Amino acid sequence: MEVKTLEKKGKSVDEAIKAALDELGCEIDDVMIEVIEEPTKGLLGFVGKKPAVVRVTMREKPEEEARQIVEDILNRIKIDYKINRVEYENGRIRINIIGKDMGLLIGRKGETLNSLQFIVGLIMNRKRDEKVRIILDVEDYRKKREQSLEALALRLSDKVKKTRKNVVMRPMSSQERRIVHTALQGDPQVTTYSMGDEPNRKVVISLKK
């Protein structure tokens, strides 16, 4: 996305900034401001009088920046794709990609998709004060996976309640483990914790003591 930048003049710095904001149609929190020249009154208030000059640049919205990064990467590897959904909420950006041969983009057990997600996150957050979490999805692969894991977590929690024995799930990524923890965190009868070392770290579901 092309970043919009304006230079504006005014009797004061505030007046110049207001003129720029009015033209851009945005609020002051949406822009970066650089004062090029302070106003001067000049000799006797008239001769050599100069206005204030400011340069105002719109901040790129996080979701638009993330979309651009993903597009740049996918265009380089020349894959047939389309970004059909970008959602931004509570510091989390979810991007869903559709197209041909999406299995190549997902990779074995989602490994290729995870690597791409990691790279996009690094690029996005390298110069940001407030970090954002990137979730890349391909034809809702992750969303379907989340729903499957949530259903599995509920079934296993029922098993723990009936047998009163711990259940150790198979090794999962940190993102998958987070889904299980979140799915069961409101259950008053069971608790979850992780054990083991990466990449073989597992979630344990047990009765609360």
N, C-alpha and C. Protein backbone atom coordinates (compact mmCIF):
# COMPACT_ATOMS: atom_id res chain seq x y z
N MET A 1 0.83 -1.19 0.00
CA MET A 1 0.00 0.00 0.00
C MET A 1 0.87 1.24 0.00
N GLU A 2 0.53 2.23 -0.84
CA GLU A 2 1.29 3.47 -0.91
C GLU A 2 1.01 4.31 0.33
N VAL A 3 2.08 4.77 0.98
CA VAL A 3 1.94 5.57 2.18
C VAL A 3 1.69 7.02 1.79
N LYS A 4 0.65 7.63 2.36
CA LYS A 4 0.29 9.00 2.02
C LYS A 4 1.07 9.98 2.89
N THR A 5 1.73 10.95 2.24
CA THR A 5 2.47 11.99 2.93
C THR A 5 2.09 13.35 2.36
N LEU A 6 1.86 14.30 3.23
CA LEU A 6 1.53 15.66 2.81
C LEU A 6 2.42 16.66 3.52
N GLU A 7 2.75 17.73 2.81
CA GLU A 7 3.39 18.88 3.45
C GLU A 7 2.39 20.02 3.41
N LYS A 8 2.17 20.66 4.56
CA LYS A 8 1.20 21.73 4.65
C LYS A 8 1.80 22.94 5.36
N LYS A 9 1.28 24.11 4.98
CA LYS A 9 1.70 25.36 5.61
C LYS A 9 0.56 25.93 6.43
N GLY A 10 0.91 26.73 7.42
CA GLY A 10 -0.10 27.38 8.25
C GLY A 10 0.52 28.50 9.05
N LYS A 11 -0.32 29.34 9.62
CA LYS A 11 0.18 30.43 10.46
C LYS A 11 0.90 29.88 11.70
N SER A 12 0.46 28.72 12.12
CA SER A 12 1.08 28.05 13.25
C SER A 12 1.26 26.58 12.90
N VAL A 13 2.05 25.87 13.73
CA VAL A 13 2.24 24.44 13.51
C VAL A 13 0.91 23.70 13.64
N ASP A 14 0.12 24.08 14.64
CA ASP A 14 -1.18 23.42 14.84
C ASP A 14 -2.10 23.61 13.64
N GLU A 15 -2.07 24.82 13.07
CA GLU A 15 -2.93 25.10 11.91
C GLU A 15 -2.49 24.27 10.71
N ALA A 16 -1.18 24.12 10.52
CA ALA A 16 -0.67 23.33 9.41
C ALA A 16 -1.03 21.85 9.58
N ILE A 17 -0.91 21.37 10.82
CA ILE A 17 -1.26 19.97 11.10
C ILE A 17 -2.75 19.74 10.84
N LYS A 18 -3.59 20.66 11.29
CA LYS A 18 -5.04 20.52 11.10
C LYS A 18 -5.38 20.47 9.61
N ALA A 19 -4.72 21.30 8.82
CA ALA A 19 -4.98 21.31 7.38
C ALA A 19 -4.63 19.96 6.76
N ALA A 20 -3.53 19.38 7.20
CA ALA A 20 -3.12 18.07 6.68
C ALA A 20 -4.10 16.98 7.09
N LEU A 21 -4.52 17.00 8.36
CA LEU A 21 -5.47 15.99 8.86
C LEU A 21 -6.80 16.09 8.12
N ASP A 22 -7.25 17.32 7.87
CA ASP A 22 -8.51 17.50 7.15
C ASP A 22 -8.43 16.93 5.74
N GLU A 23 -7.29 17.13 5.08
CA GLU A 23 -7.15 16.62 3.71
C GLU A 23 -7.03 15.10 3.68
N LEU A 24 -6.34 14.55 4.68
CA LEU A 24 -6.17 13.09 4.74
C LEU A 24 -7.42 12.39 5.27
N GLY A 25 -8.25 13.16 5.99
CA GLY A 25 -9.46 12.59 6.56
C GLY A 25 -9.18 11.62 7.69
N CYS A 26 -8.25 11.97 8.57
CA CYS A 26 -7.89 11.07 9.66
C CYS A 26 -7.64 11.87 10.94
N GLU A 27 -7.37 11.13 12.03
CA GLU A 27 -7.11 11.75 13.32
C GLU A 27 -5.60 11.82 13.56
N ILE A 28 -5.22 12.61 14.57
CA ILE A 28 -3.80 12.83 14.84
C ILE A 28 -3.08 11.55 15.25
N ASP A 29 -3.80 10.61 15.88
CA ASP A 29 -3.18 9.34 16.28
C ASP A 29 -2.87 8.44 15.08
N ASP A 30 -3.43 8.79 13.92
CA ASP A 30 -3.23 7.96 12.72
C ASP A 30 -2.03 8.40 11.90
N VAL A 31 -1.31 9.43 12.37
CA VAL A 31 -0.23 9.99 11.54
C VAL A 31 1.06 10.18 12.32
N MET A 32 2.15 10.35 11.56
CA MET A 32 3.44 10.77 12.11
C MET A 32 3.69 12.19 11.62
N ILE A 33 4.17 13.05 12.51
CA ILE A 33 4.30 14.48 12.20
C ILE A 33 5.76 14.91 12.30
N GLU A 34 6.20 15.62 11.28
CA GLU A 34 7.55 16.20 11.28
C GLU A 34 7.44 17.69 11.02
N VAL A 35 7.94 18.50 11.92
CA VAL A 35 7.91 19.95 11.74
C VAL A 35 9.11 20.35 10.89
N ILE A 36 8.85 20.83 9.69
CA ILE A 36 9.91 21.22 8.75
C ILE A 36 10.41 22.62 9.08
N GLU A 37 9.48 23.54 9.31
CA GLU A 37 9.84 24.93 9.64
C GLU A 37 8.88 25.49 10.68
N GLU A 38 9.44 26.14 11.68
CA GLU A 38 8.62 26.88 12.64
C GLU A 38 8.23 28.21 12.01
N PRO A 39 7.09 28.76 12.37
CA PRO A 39 6.70 30.07 11.80
C PRO A 39 7.58 31.18 12.37
N THR A 40 7.82 32.20 11.57
CA THR A 40 8.58 33.37 12.05
C THR A 40 7.76 34.62 11.77
N LYS A 41 7.85 35.59 12.66
CA LYS A 41 7.06 36.82 12.52
C LYS A 41 7.66 37.78 11.50
N GLY A 42 8.99 37.73 11.34
CA GLY A 42 9.63 38.63 10.39
C GLY A 42 9.86 40.02 10.97
N LEU A 43 10.55 40.82 10.22
CA LEU A 43 10.86 42.18 10.64
C LEU A 43 9.60 43.02 10.72
N LEU A 44 9.40 43.64 11.87
CA LEU A 44 8.23 44.47 12.11
C LEU A 44 6.91 43.69 11.94
N GLY A 45 7.05 42.37 12.04
CA GLY A 45 5.84 41.54 11.95
C GLY A 45 5.40 41.25 10.54
N PHE A 46 6.11 41.81 9.53
CA PHE A 46 5.66 41.63 8.15
C PHE A 46 6.79 41.15 7.23
N VAL A 47 7.89 41.91 7.18
CA VAL A 47 8.97 41.61 6.24
C VAL A 47 9.67 40.31 6.63
N GLY A 48 9.73 39.36 5.69
CA GLY A 48 10.39 38.09 5.94
C GLY A 48 9.57 37.11 6.76
N LYS A 49 8.30 37.41 6.89
CA LYS A 49 7.42 36.51 7.66
C LYS A 49 7.30 35.17 6.96
N LYS A 50 7.42 34.05 7.73
CA LYS A 50 7.35 32.71 7.16
C LYS A 50 6.31 31.87 7.89
N PRO A 51 5.57 31.06 7.15
CA PRO A 51 4.58 30.19 7.79
C PRO A 51 5.23 28.94 8.37
N ALA A 52 4.48 28.24 9.16
CA ALA A 52 4.93 26.93 9.65
C ALA A 52 4.76 25.91 8.53
N VAL A 53 5.70 24.97 8.45
CA VAL A 53 5.60 23.90 7.45
C VAL A 53 5.75 22.56 8.16
N VAL A 54 4.80 21.67 7.93
CA VAL A 54 4.86 20.34 8.55
C VAL A 54 4.73 19.26 7.48
N ARG A 55 5.33 18.12 7.77
CA ARG A 55 5.15 16.94 6.90
C ARG A 55 4.38 15.90 7.72
N VAL A 56 3.26 15.49 7.21
CA VAL A 56 2.38 14.54 7.91
C VAL A 56 2.27 13.26 7.09
N THR A 57 2.59 12.13 7.73
CA THR A 57 2.56 10.83 7.05
C THR A 57 1.59 9.90 7.76
N MET A 58 0.69 9.33 7.00
CA MET A 58 -0.27 8.38 7.59
C MET A 58 0.44 7.12 8.03
N ARG A 59 0.10 6.66 9.24
CA ARG A 59 0.61 5.37 9.70
C ARG A 59 -0.13 4.26 8.97
N GLU A 60 0.62 3.26 8.53
CA GLU A 60 -0.02 2.13 7.87
C GLU A 60 -0.71 1.27 8.93
N LYS A 61 -1.94 0.90 8.66
CA LYS A 61 -2.67 0.06 9.60
C LYS A 61 -2.02 -1.31 9.67
N PRO A 62 -1.96 -1.91 10.87
CA PRO A 62 -1.27 -3.20 11.03
C PRO A 62 -1.76 -4.28 10.07
N GLU A 63 -3.08 -4.37 9.89
CA GLU A 63 -3.60 -5.42 9.03
C GLU A 63 -3.20 -5.21 7.57
N GLU A 64 -3.10 -3.94 7.16
CA GLU A 64 -2.71 -3.65 5.78
C GLU A 64 -1.21 -3.93 5.59
N GLU A 65 -0.43 -3.60 6.62
CA GLU A 65 1.01 -3.88 6.56
C GLU A 65 1.26 -5.39 6.49
N ALA A 66 0.54 -6.16 7.32
CA ALA A 66 0.71 -7.62 7.32
C ALA A 66 0.31 -8.21 5.97
N ARG A 67 -0.78 -7.71 5.42
CA ARG A 67 -1.23 -8.19 4.11
C ARG A 67 -0.16 -7.95 3.04
N GLN A 68 0.44 -6.76 3.08
CA GLN A 68 1.46 -6.42 2.09
C GLN A 68 2.68 -7.34 2.21
N ILE A 69 3.07 -7.65 3.44
CA ILE A 69 4.22 -8.54 3.67
C ILE A 69 3.93 -9.93 3.10
N VAL A 70 2.74 -10.45 3.39
CA VAL A 70 2.37 -11.77 2.88
C VAL A 70 2.35 -11.78 1.36
N GLU A 71 1.77 -10.74 0.77
CA GLU A 71 1.71 -10.66 -0.69
C GLU A 71 3.11 -10.61 -1.30
N ASP A 72 4.00 -9.84 -0.69
CA ASP A 72 5.37 -9.73 -1.21
C ASP A 72 6.06 -11.10 -1.22
N ILE A 73 5.88 -11.86 -0.14
CA ILE A 73 6.52 -13.17 -0.05
C ILE A 73 5.92 -14.15 -1.06
N LEU A 74 4.58 -14.21 -1.11
CA LEU A 74 3.93 -15.16 -2.01
C LEU A 74 4.15 -14.82 -3.48
N ASN A 75 4.27 -13.53 -3.78
CA ASN A 75 4.55 -13.14 -5.17
C ASN A 75 5.95 -13.58 -5.60
N ARG A 76 6.86 -13.59 -4.66
CA ARG A 76 8.23 -14.01 -4.96
C ARG A 76 8.31 -15.50 -5.28
N ILE A 77 7.50 -16.30 -4.58
CA ILE A 77 7.55 -17.74 -4.84
C ILE A 77 6.57 -18.16 -5.94
N LYS A 78 5.89 -17.17 -6.51
CA LYS A 78 5.05 -17.36 -7.70
C LYS A 78 4.00 -18.45 -7.49
N ILE A 79 3.28 -18.35 -6.40
CA ILE A 79 2.19 -19.29 -6.14
C ILE A 79 0.86 -18.64 -6.51
N ASP A 80 -0.07 -19.44 -7.02
CA ASP A 80 -1.38 -18.93 -7.41
C ASP A 80 -2.24 -18.83 -6.15
N TYR A 81 -2.52 -17.60 -5.73
CA TYR A 81 -3.22 -17.43 -4.46
C TYR A 81 -4.11 -16.18 -4.50
N LYS A 82 -4.94 -16.09 -3.46
CA LYS A 82 -5.74 -14.89 -3.23
C LYS A 82 -5.96 -14.76 -1.73
N ILE A 83 -5.78 -13.56 -1.21
CA ILE A 83 -6.09 -13.30 0.20
C ILE A 83 -7.55 -12.88 0.28
N ASN A 84 -8.36 -13.73 0.89
CA ASN A 84 -9.80 -13.46 0.88
C ASN A 84 -10.31 -12.88 2.19
N ARG A 85 -9.46 -12.87 3.22
CA ARG A 85 -9.94 -12.32 4.50
C ARG A 85 -8.77 -11.89 5.38
N VAL A 86 -8.86 -10.67 5.91
CA VAL A 86 -7.88 -10.16 6.88
C VAL A 86 -8.65 -9.59 8.06
N GLU A 87 -8.40 -10.13 9.24
CA GLU A 87 -9.11 -9.70 10.45
C GLU A 87 -8.10 -9.22 11.49
N TYR A 88 -8.42 -8.13 12.15
CA TYR A 88 -7.52 -7.58 13.17
C TYR A 88 -8.32 -7.29 14.44
N GLU A 89 -7.96 -7.96 15.52
CA GLU A 89 -8.68 -7.77 16.79
C GLU A 89 -7.78 -8.13 17.96
N ASN A 90 -7.77 -7.25 18.96
CA ASN A 90 -7.02 -7.50 20.20
C ASN A 90 -5.56 -7.87 19.96
N GLY A 91 -4.91 -7.13 19.06
CA GLY A 91 -3.49 -7.36 18.81
C GLY A 91 -3.19 -8.61 18.01
N ARG A 92 -4.21 -9.20 17.39
CA ARG A 92 -4.02 -10.42 16.61
C ARG A 92 -4.53 -10.20 15.19
N ILE A 93 -3.69 -10.52 14.20
CA ILE A 93 -4.07 -10.39 12.80
C ILE A 93 -4.18 -11.78 12.20
N ARG A 94 -5.36 -12.11 11.70
CA ARG A 94 -5.58 -13.41 11.06
C ARG A 94 -5.78 -13.18 9.56
N ILE A 95 -4.96 -13.86 8.76
CA ILE A 95 -5.02 -13.73 7.30
C ILE A 95 -5.33 -15.09 6.71
N ASN A 96 -6.40 -15.17 5.89
CA ASN A 96 -6.76 -16.43 5.26
C ASN A 96 -6.45 -16.35 3.76
N ILE A 97 -5.75 -17.39 3.26
CA ILE A 97 -5.31 -17.44 1.87
C ILE A 97 -6.03 -18.59 1.17
N ILE A 98 -6.48 -18.35 -0.06
CA ILE A 98 -7.12 -19.40 -0.85
C ILE A 98 -6.43 -19.46 -2.22
N GLY A 99 -6.63 -20.57 -2.95
CA GLY A 99 -6.04 -20.69 -4.27
C GLY A 99 -5.74 -22.12 -4.64
N LYS A 100 -4.97 -22.29 -5.73
CA LYS A 100 -4.60 -23.63 -6.19
C LYS A 100 -3.38 -24.13 -5.43
N ASP A 101 -3.27 -25.44 -5.34
CA ASP A 101 -2.09 -26.07 -4.72
C ASP A 101 -1.80 -25.55 -3.32
N MET A 102 -2.85 -25.30 -2.56
CA MET A 102 -2.65 -24.77 -1.22
C MET A 102 -2.00 -25.79 -0.28
N GLY A 103 -2.06 -27.07 -0.67
CA GLY A 103 -1.39 -28.09 0.12
C GLY A 103 0.10 -27.84 0.21
N LEU A 104 0.68 -27.29 -0.86
CA LEU A 104 2.11 -26.97 -0.85
C LEU A 104 2.41 -25.88 0.17
N LEU A 105 1.48 -24.95 0.30
CA LEU A 105 1.68 -23.84 1.24
C LEU A 105 1.50 -24.30 2.68
N ILE A 106 0.64 -25.28 2.89
CA ILE A 106 0.43 -25.81 4.24
C ILE A 106 1.63 -26.66 4.66
N GLY A 107 2.06 -27.58 3.76
CA GLY A 107 3.19 -28.44 4.07
C GLY A 107 2.81 -29.58 4.99
N ARG A 108 3.79 -30.41 5.33
CA ARG A 108 3.56 -31.56 6.19
C ARG A 108 3.18 -31.10 7.60
N LYS A 109 1.99 -31.48 8.04
CA LYS A 109 1.46 -31.12 9.35
C LYS A 109 1.52 -29.61 9.60
N GLY A 110 1.38 -28.84 8.51
CA GLY A 110 1.35 -27.38 8.65
C GLY A 110 2.70 -26.73 8.84
N GLU A 111 3.79 -27.48 8.60
CA GLU A 111 5.14 -26.96 8.89
C GLU A 111 5.49 -25.77 7.99
N THR A 112 5.16 -25.85 6.69
CA THR A 112 5.47 -24.74 5.78
C THR A 112 4.69 -23.50 6.17
N LEU A 113 3.42 -23.68 6.49
CA LEU A 113 2.57 -22.56 6.91
C LEU A 113 3.08 -21.94 8.21
N ASN A 114 3.51 -22.78 9.14
CA ASN A 114 4.06 -22.28 10.40
C ASN A 114 5.33 -21.46 10.17
N SER A 115 6.18 -21.93 9.25
CA SER A 115 7.42 -21.21 8.96
C SER A 115 7.12 -19.85 8.34
N LEU A 116 6.18 -19.83 7.41
CA LEU A 116 5.79 -18.56 6.76
C LEU A 116 5.19 -17.61 7.79
N GLN A 117 4.36 -18.13 8.67
CA GLN A 117 3.76 -17.32 9.72
C GLN A 117 4.83 -16.72 10.62
N PHE A 118 5.83 -17.52 10.97
CA PHE A 118 6.93 -17.05 11.81
C PHE A 118 7.70 -15.92 11.14
N ILE A 119 7.98 -16.07 9.84
CA ILE A 119 8.72 -15.05 9.10
C ILE A 119 7.92 -13.75 9.02
N VAL A 120 6.63 -13.84 8.72
CA VAL A 120 5.79 -12.64 8.64
C VAL A 120 5.74 -11.93 10.00
N GLY A 121 5.65 -12.72 11.07
CA GLY A 121 5.64 -12.13 12.41
C GLY A 121 6.93 -11.40 12.73
N LEU A 122 8.07 -11.97 12.33
CA LEU A 122 9.36 -11.32 12.55
C LEU A 122 9.44 -9.99 11.81
N ILE A 123 9.04 -9.99 10.55
CA ILE A 123 9.08 -8.77 9.75
C ILE A 123 8.15 -7.71 10.32
N MET A 124 6.94 -8.13 10.71
CA MET A 124 5.95 -7.20 11.24
C MET A 124 6.42 -6.53 12.51
N ASN A 125 7.06 -7.29 13.39
CA ASN A 125 7.34 -6.80 14.74
C ASN A 125 8.75 -6.27 14.96
N ARG A 126 9.59 -6.27 13.92
CA ARG A 126 10.99 -5.89 14.12
C ARG A 126 11.15 -4.43 14.53
N LYS A 127 10.21 -3.56 14.14
CA LYS A 127 10.33 -2.15 14.49
C LYS A 127 9.11 -1.62 15.23
N ARG A 128 8.29 -2.54 15.75
CA ARG A 128 7.06 -2.11 16.42
C ARG A 128 7.24 -2.12 17.94
N ASP A 129 6.73 -1.08 18.59
CA ASP A 129 6.75 -1.03 20.05
C ASP A 129 5.71 -1.99 20.62
N GLU A 130 4.52 -1.97 20.01
CA GLU A 130 3.46 -2.88 20.44
C GLU A 130 3.41 -4.06 19.47
N LYS A 131 3.77 -5.23 19.96
CA LYS A 131 3.83 -6.40 19.11
C LYS A 131 2.43 -6.89 18.73
N VAL A 132 2.33 -7.43 17.53
CA VAL A 132 1.08 -8.04 17.09
C VAL A 132 1.33 -9.52 16.84
N ARG A 133 0.29 -10.32 16.98
CA ARG A 133 0.40 -11.76 16.74
C ARG A 133 -0.19 -12.07 15.37
N ILE A 134 0.60 -12.76 14.56
CA ILE A 134 0.17 -13.09 13.20
C ILE A 134 -0.32 -14.54 13.15
N ILE A 135 -1.49 -14.74 12.56
CA ILE A 135 -2.01 -16.08 12.32
C ILE A 135 -2.31 -16.19 10.83
N LEU A 136 -1.52 -17.01 10.13
CA LEU A 136 -1.77 -17.26 8.71
C LEU A 136 -2.57 -18.54 8.57
N ASP A 137 -3.61 -18.48 7.76
CA ASP A 137 -4.45 -19.65 7.53
C ASP A 137 -4.59 -19.88 6.03
N VAL A 138 -4.78 -21.12 5.65
CA VAL A 138 -4.98 -21.48 4.24
C VAL A 138 -6.29 -22.23 4.12
N GLU A 139 -7.25 -21.59 3.43
CA GLU A 139 -8.58 -22.16 3.26
C GLU A 139 -9.15 -22.67 4.58
N ASP A 140 -8.93 -21.86 5.61
CA ASP A 140 -9.43 -22.14 6.97
C ASP A 140 -8.88 -23.43 7.55
N TYR A 141 -7.69 -23.84 7.10
CA TYR A 141 -7.04 -25.05 7.64
C TYR A 141 -6.86 -24.94 9.14
N ARG A 142 -6.34 -23.80 9.61
CA ARG A 142 -6.12 -23.64 11.05
C ARG A 142 -7.43 -23.59 11.82
N LYS A 143 -8.41 -22.89 11.26
CA LYS A 143 -9.70 -22.77 11.94
C LYS A 143 -10.34 -24.15 12.12
N LYS A 144 -10.27 -24.98 11.06
CA LYS A 144 -10.81 -26.34 11.16
C LYS A 144 -10.00 -27.16 12.15
N ARG A 145 -8.68 -26.94 12.14
CA ARG A 145 -7.80 -27.65 13.07
C ARG A 145 -8.11 -27.24 14.51
N GLU A 146 -8.35 -25.95 14.73
CA GLU A 146 -8.70 -25.47 16.07
C GLU A 146 -9.99 -26.13 16.55
N GLN A 147 -10.98 -26.17 15.68
CA GLN A 147 -12.26 -26.78 16.06
C GLN A 147 -12.09 -28.26 16.39
N SER A 148 -11.24 -28.94 15.61
CA SER A 148 -10.97 -30.37 15.85
C SER A 148 -10.26 -30.58 17.19
N LEU A 149 -9.28 -29.72 17.49
CA LEU A 149 -8.54 -29.84 18.75
C LEU A 149 -9.42 -29.52 19.95
N GLU A 150 -10.27 -28.52 19.78
CA GLU A 150 -11.19 -28.17 20.88
C GLU A 150 -12.12 -29.34 21.19
N ALA A 151 -12.64 -29.97 20.12
CA ALA A 151 -13.53 -31.12 20.32
C ALA A 151 -12.79 -32.29 20.97
N LEU A 152 -11.53 -32.51 20.54
CA LEU A 152 -10.72 -33.57 21.13
C LEU A 152 -10.44 -33.30 22.60
N ALA A 153 -10.11 -32.04 22.92
CA ALA A 153 -9.82 -31.67 24.30
C ALA A 153 -11.03 -31.93 25.20
N LEU A 154 -12.22 -31.62 24.71
CA LEU A 154 -13.44 -31.84 25.49
C LEU A 154 -13.69 -33.33 25.71
N ARG A 155 -13.46 -34.14 24.66
CA ARG A 155 -13.66 -35.59 24.79
C ARG A 155 -12.68 -36.18 25.80
N LEU A 156 -11.43 -35.74 25.73
CA LEU A 156 -10.41 -36.27 26.64
C LEU A 156 -10.65 -35.80 28.08
N SER A 157 -11.18 -34.60 28.24
CA SER A 157 -11.47 -34.13 29.59
C SER A 157 -12.59 -34.97 30.22
N ASP A 158 -13.55 -35.37 29.40
CA ASP A 158 -14.61 -36.26 29.89
C ASP A 158 -14.02 -37.61 30.32
N LYS A 159 -13.04 -38.08 29.54
CA LYS A 159 -12.38 -39.35 29.88
C LYS A 159 -11.65 -39.24 31.21
N VAL A 160 -10.97 -38.10 31.43
CA VAL A 160 -10.25 -37.88 32.68
C VAL A 160 -11.22 -37.89 33.86
N LYS A 161 -12.38 -37.28 33.69
CA LYS A 161 -13.38 -37.22 34.76
C LYS A 161 -13.92 -38.62 35.09
N LYS A 162 -14.11 -39.44 34.05
CA LYS A 162 -14.66 -40.77 34.26
C LYS A 162 -13.64 -41.74 34.86
N THR A 163 -12.41 -41.70 34.33
CA THR A 163 -11.38 -42.66 34.77
C THR A 163 -10.57 -42.15 35.96
N ARG A 164 -10.63 -40.81 36.17
CA ARG A 164 -9.85 -40.14 37.23
C ARG A 164 -8.35 -40.37 37.03
N LYS A 165 -7.96 -40.53 35.76
CA LYS A 165 -6.55 -40.69 35.42
C LYS A 165 -6.14 -39.61 34.42
N ASN A 166 -4.89 -39.19 34.52
CA ASN A 166 -4.37 -38.18 33.60
C ASN A 166 -4.37 -38.71 32.16
N VAL A 167 -4.54 -37.78 31.23
CA VAL A 167 -4.40 -38.10 29.81
C VAL A 167 -3.28 -37.24 29.24
N VAL A 168 -2.33 -37.88 28.58
CA VAL A 168 -1.22 -37.16 27.94
C VAL A 168 -1.47 -37.14 26.44
N MET A 169 -1.59 -35.96 25.87
CA MET A 169 -1.86 -35.84 24.45
C MET A 169 -0.56 -35.98 23.65
N ARG A 170 -0.68 -36.17 22.35
CA ARG A 170 0.49 -36.31 21.49
C ARG A 170 1.26 -34.98 21.43
N PRO A 171 2.52 -35.00 21.01
CA PRO A 171 3.28 -33.75 20.89
C PRO A 171 2.60 -32.76 19.95
N MET A 172 2.57 -31.49 20.35
CA MET A 172 1.93 -30.46 19.55
C MET A 172 2.77 -29.19 19.56
N SER A 173 2.49 -28.32 18.61
CA SER A 173 3.15 -27.02 18.56
C SER A 173 2.62 -26.14 19.69
N SER A 174 3.32 -25.06 19.97
CA SER A 174 2.89 -24.16 21.04
C SER A 174 1.51 -23.58 20.74
N GLN A 175 1.24 -23.30 19.48
CA GLN A 175 -0.06 -22.75 19.09
C GLN A 175 -1.17 -23.77 19.33
N GLU A 176 -0.92 -25.04 18.99
CA GLU A 176 -1.93 -26.07 19.22
C GLU A 176 -2.14 -26.31 20.71
N ARG A 177 -1.04 -26.28 21.48
CA ARG A 177 -1.18 -26.46 22.93
C ARG A 177 -2.01 -25.33 23.54
N ARG A 178 -1.81 -24.13 23.02
CA ARG A 178 -2.58 -22.99 23.53
C ARG A 178 -4.07 -23.18 23.30
N ILE A 179 -4.42 -23.78 22.17
CA ILE A 179 -5.84 -24.03 21.86
C ILE A 179 -6.45 -24.98 22.89
N VAL A 180 -5.71 -26.03 23.24
CA VAL A 180 -6.20 -27.01 24.23
C VAL A 180 -6.34 -26.34 25.60
N HIS A 181 -5.31 -25.60 26.02
CA HIS A 181 -5.36 -24.91 27.32
C HIS A 181 -6.58 -23.99 27.39
N THR A 182 -6.79 -23.23 26.31
CA THR A 182 -7.89 -22.27 26.28
C THR A 182 -9.24 -22.97 26.31
N ALA A 183 -9.35 -24.09 25.58
CA ALA A 183 -10.62 -24.82 25.50
C ALA A 183 -11.06 -25.35 26.87
N LEU A 184 -10.09 -25.67 27.73
CA LEU A 184 -10.43 -26.30 29.01
C LEU A 184 -10.23 -25.39 30.22
N GLN A 185 -9.80 -24.15 29.99
CA GLN A 185 -9.47 -23.30 31.14
C GLN A 185 -10.69 -22.95 32.00
N GLY A 186 -11.88 -23.03 31.42
CA GLY A 186 -13.07 -22.71 32.20
C GLY A 186 -13.71 -23.91 32.88
N ASP A 187 -13.12 -25.09 32.70
CA ASP A 187 -13.68 -26.30 33.30
C ASP A 187 -13.27 -26.37 34.77
N PRO A 188 -14.24 -26.41 35.69
CA PRO A 188 -13.90 -26.40 37.12
C PRO A 188 -13.35 -27.73 37.64
N GLN A 189 -13.42 -28.80 36.82
CA GLN A 189 -13.00 -30.12 37.29
C GLN A 189 -11.62 -30.56 36.81
N VAL A 190 -11.16 -29.96 35.70
CA VAL A 190 -9.86 -30.40 35.16
C VAL A 190 -8.91 -29.22 35.01
N THR A 191 -7.63 -29.55 34.92
CA THR A 191 -6.60 -28.55 34.67
C THR A 191 -5.67 -29.08 33.59
N THR A 192 -4.93 -28.21 32.96
CA THR A 192 -3.99 -28.63 31.91
C THR A 192 -2.63 -28.01 32.16
N TYR A 193 -1.60 -28.73 31.75
CA TYR A 193 -0.24 -28.19 31.80
C TYR A 193 0.60 -28.89 30.73
N SER A 194 1.72 -28.26 30.37
CA SER A 194 2.59 -28.83 29.34
C SER A 194 3.79 -29.50 29.97
N MET A 195 4.29 -30.55 29.31
CA MET A 195 5.47 -31.24 29.81
C MET A 195 6.35 -31.65 28.63
N GLY A 196 7.66 -31.84 28.89
CA GLY A 196 8.57 -32.26 27.84
C GLY A 196 9.25 -31.09 27.17
N ASP A 197 10.14 -31.42 26.26
CA ASP A 197 10.91 -30.40 25.54
C ASP A 197 10.47 -30.36 24.08
N GLU A 198 10.63 -29.18 23.48
CA GLU A 198 10.32 -29.03 22.07
C GLU A 198 11.27 -29.91 21.25
N PRO A 199 10.83 -30.51 20.15
CA PRO A 199 9.49 -30.38 19.57
C PRO A 199 8.52 -31.45 20.06
N ASN A 200 8.83 -32.09 21.17
CA ASN A 200 7.99 -33.17 21.69
C ASN A 200 7.21 -32.78 22.94
N ARG A 201 6.94 -31.48 23.08
CA ARG A 201 6.20 -31.01 24.24
C ARG A 201 4.72 -31.39 24.12
N LYS A 202 4.13 -31.87 25.23
CA LYS A 202 2.77 -32.40 25.21
C LYS A 202 1.91 -31.70 26.27
N VAL A 203 0.62 -31.76 26.04
CA VAL A 203 -0.34 -31.26 27.03
C VAL A 203 -0.84 -32.42 27.87
N VAL A 204 -0.90 -32.20 29.18
CA VAL A 204 -1.45 -33.19 30.11
C VAL A 204 -2.77 -32.65 30.66
N ILE A 205 -3.80 -33.46 30.63
CA ILE A 205 -5.09 -33.09 31.20
C ILE A 205 -5.28 -33.93 32.46
N SER A 206 -5.54 -33.26 33.57
CA SER A 206 -5.70 -33.99 34.85
C SER A 206 -6.82 -33.38 35.68
N LEU A 207 -7.26 -34.16 36.67
CA LEU A 207 -8.29 -33.65 37.59
C LEU A 207 -7.70 -32.58 38.49
N LYS A 208 -8.51 -31.58 38.81
CA LYS A 208 -8.08 -30.58 39.78
C LYS A 208 -8.06 -31.20 41.17
N LYS A 209 -7.09 -30.85 41.95
CA LYS A 209 -7.00 -31.40 43.29
C LYS A 209 -7.79 -30.56 44.28
